[in-house]
Amino acid sequence: MMRPPPRFIQLPFAPLVFGRRSDTGDMVEVDADELVRHLAVFGTTGSGKTSLFLALMLQLMDRGRGFIVCTTKHDPTMPRALAWAAMQRQQLWRLRVFDPAHPVHVYNPTATTNPLALASLYFSQLPPIEPSSEAKHYHDIQFEFLLLACSAIMATGLRHVPNDILQLARSYEIAGPKLRKRLQALGKEDRMADLDAFFRRFYRRGEFQVNEAQEALSGLTSVLQGLDVGRFAGLLSQPFSEVDLLQACRRGLWVYMGLPAAMDADGGQLGRLFLTDLIMAIDEIQRTEGELVHAPFVIVLDEFPSYALPQFARVFEQARSSGIGILLGAQTVSSLSDRAAGLSDGFRDRVLGNCAHILSFRLGPGEGAEYFSQFTGKADRPIVQVSETESRGRTWSPLAPSSWVGWTNRTDGRASFSGYRVQKDLVMESRRLTHELASRGQAIWLSPKDEETLPFPFWSLWAETSAAPAGWDYAAQCARWDRIPLPPLDLGRYVRFVNIRRSAAHGVAPPDAPAPHRNHAAPAPVPDATSQPAAETPSPAPGTGGPQEAPAQGRRRRRPTLQPTSLISYVPPRKPKRGTPEPGRQPSTASQPPLPYPPPTASQPELSGIDGDQPRDTHTIATAFDQDGDGTRLTSEGHTPEPP
């Protein structure tokens, strides 16, 4: 007989206090069932939204519940107040603080072991498009590449950065063999099969169409390049993340996420990474345990429209089943439908339609007040009407004889009417939100659900961030961990060295290569099979002052100048042996396996020491970088050359 799966006992939860009604004095409370159905709070800056959020977080600390608060305000007093409250409750170990301006804990959303999560993080940085747009085809191609590339890179077990994905998308003919060599050492070469099949679609009549491949991945490469050189490049290259949103939800931790300014481009970029990471964490919870034991877990998204994602609307529809409630904070309603940020009216309706309660502080001029006035709807308003009429008139007839002598007919009348009727009228006028809410902390509860169905005013609860001492160093008191980072994959370094050597083989110095020292002698030129042999120079006669001849009597002997070696080649030169092919002669390709990348063209000859075990020229430039990260020579077939 199968036993049913164990059901965890939900811990009791006292309702959260939001404030007190200004008309009756009753407390305004929200229980756990309503909290996981989400709330939306609107109001201009300085109206009291952040103070209300801080008061709610302090109540969650007292009730033993976890939360994640994300804000775009550079206010160091907020994390200090949370740390002070956590220390007073002797639970400072539960607090995680990420603030780029005041770093405490490291947050790197790309430090994950899930290929789908990593691909979704990078894909979220692409500009949103309409489902019926022609660019949808390229978006599908780019997401397919991200899935295959992330799966192959994570199979190496090494630390990865956005530049590794960039090199696979931009220089696959160089980075592909390097990645294949790593996977061969682990017995996971099959991970490259799907990636090779992806690039075979760009072959036309046996030739690789480079322009077509670059056009298909152009949007993705620009996004990865921005992540690689942007302001948060150092953040995304961290070997691990001390702030794990999935573990925070499961363990009930207290997380503070401080993003850059709301109108900053990099701030929106990091905010979208955070929301995508949060979506993947909620999906993982729904896939595994289903509902959290310590529900409700609250996620506070202050200034949400500045980093909102269109796909985040489904979180409002599905997070309730996991025991996760969302508190949304915004200044205006129109910001939820900003088309410049990829949002729409449908996104606004999906978000607000799944919120059980909507609160509004004072609003500025705009469409917000009119929207909420229409949102509250119309109600039947009884009207009692009482009217009285009085009339007086005189009539005369010119044909009557009496009218000529002054006789007339006079009539008096009086009537009264009292009635009762019902008409539809707006429940709340828009001017109440723009003019009557003049004080800080004064708000209107727009969508009550109990027996009271009309909006009512109330005074919100707030907490001051100045409760913590101003000079207290909370960063030194927070918990930290020491971890051993994994070695990096570093495909960018390998591609950079190969490009440098190719430029040297063509006789063109790369733009980022250092200039040679003026006192150094120039290295010997690399011979070319197509170049004409130079005329032989006759050796000098004895005593004529040749370079190897002894100096004249009475002068000091000069030591011979050593030729400096270059730091470009990968395989050290060997002495020519008997039976070796002449320089410029191509080796046999019968025993070589087919390459997964396009063969070099006539304008881009193959490099010696990279595609074979031995260099094809004995006069090649000497080497210094003859080993890669794992201590083996850089050859495409994975063989180690014999020592010279």
Foldseek 3Di string as FASTA:
>chain_A
DDDDDDDFDADDDDWFWWFAFPPPRHTDTDHLLQQQLAEEEAAAPPQFPVQSVLSRVLSCVVRLFFEEEEDADPDVLSVLLVCVSCVVVVNLQLEAEDDVVDGQFAAALCLDLDLLLNLLLLLLLFADDDPPDPCVVLSVLSSVLSSLQSVLVSVLVFFEFLVLSLCCQQPVVQLVLLSCLSCVVVVNNVSCVVVLVSQVVQDDPQFGDNVVSCVSCVRSNVSSVCCCPDPCNVSNRDQDGPDQLLVCNQVRGYYYHHFHHLQDPVSLSVLSSVLSSNVVSLVVLCVPVQAHSHAQYEYEYAQALSNDDLVSLCCSVPVSRHRYGYYYYHHALVSQDDVVRVHHPVSSCSNVVSNQWYKYAAHADDCRLVVLQPVLPKDKDKDKDKDKDKDKDKDDDPVDPVVVVPDIDIDIDMDMDIDMDIDIDGLDHSVCRHPVRPHRQKMWTRQDDPPDGGIGIGGTDGDDSPPRPPPDDSSVVRDDDDDDGGHHSCSVVSVVLVVQLLCVLVVHGDPPDDDDDPPADDADHDDEPPDDDDDDDDDDDAPPDGPPHADDPPDDGDDDDDHDFDARAQAFADDDDPPADDAHDDDDCPPPDDDSDGADDPVRHDAAQAADQGGRDRRDTGHDNNQDDVGAGHYSVNDGHDDD
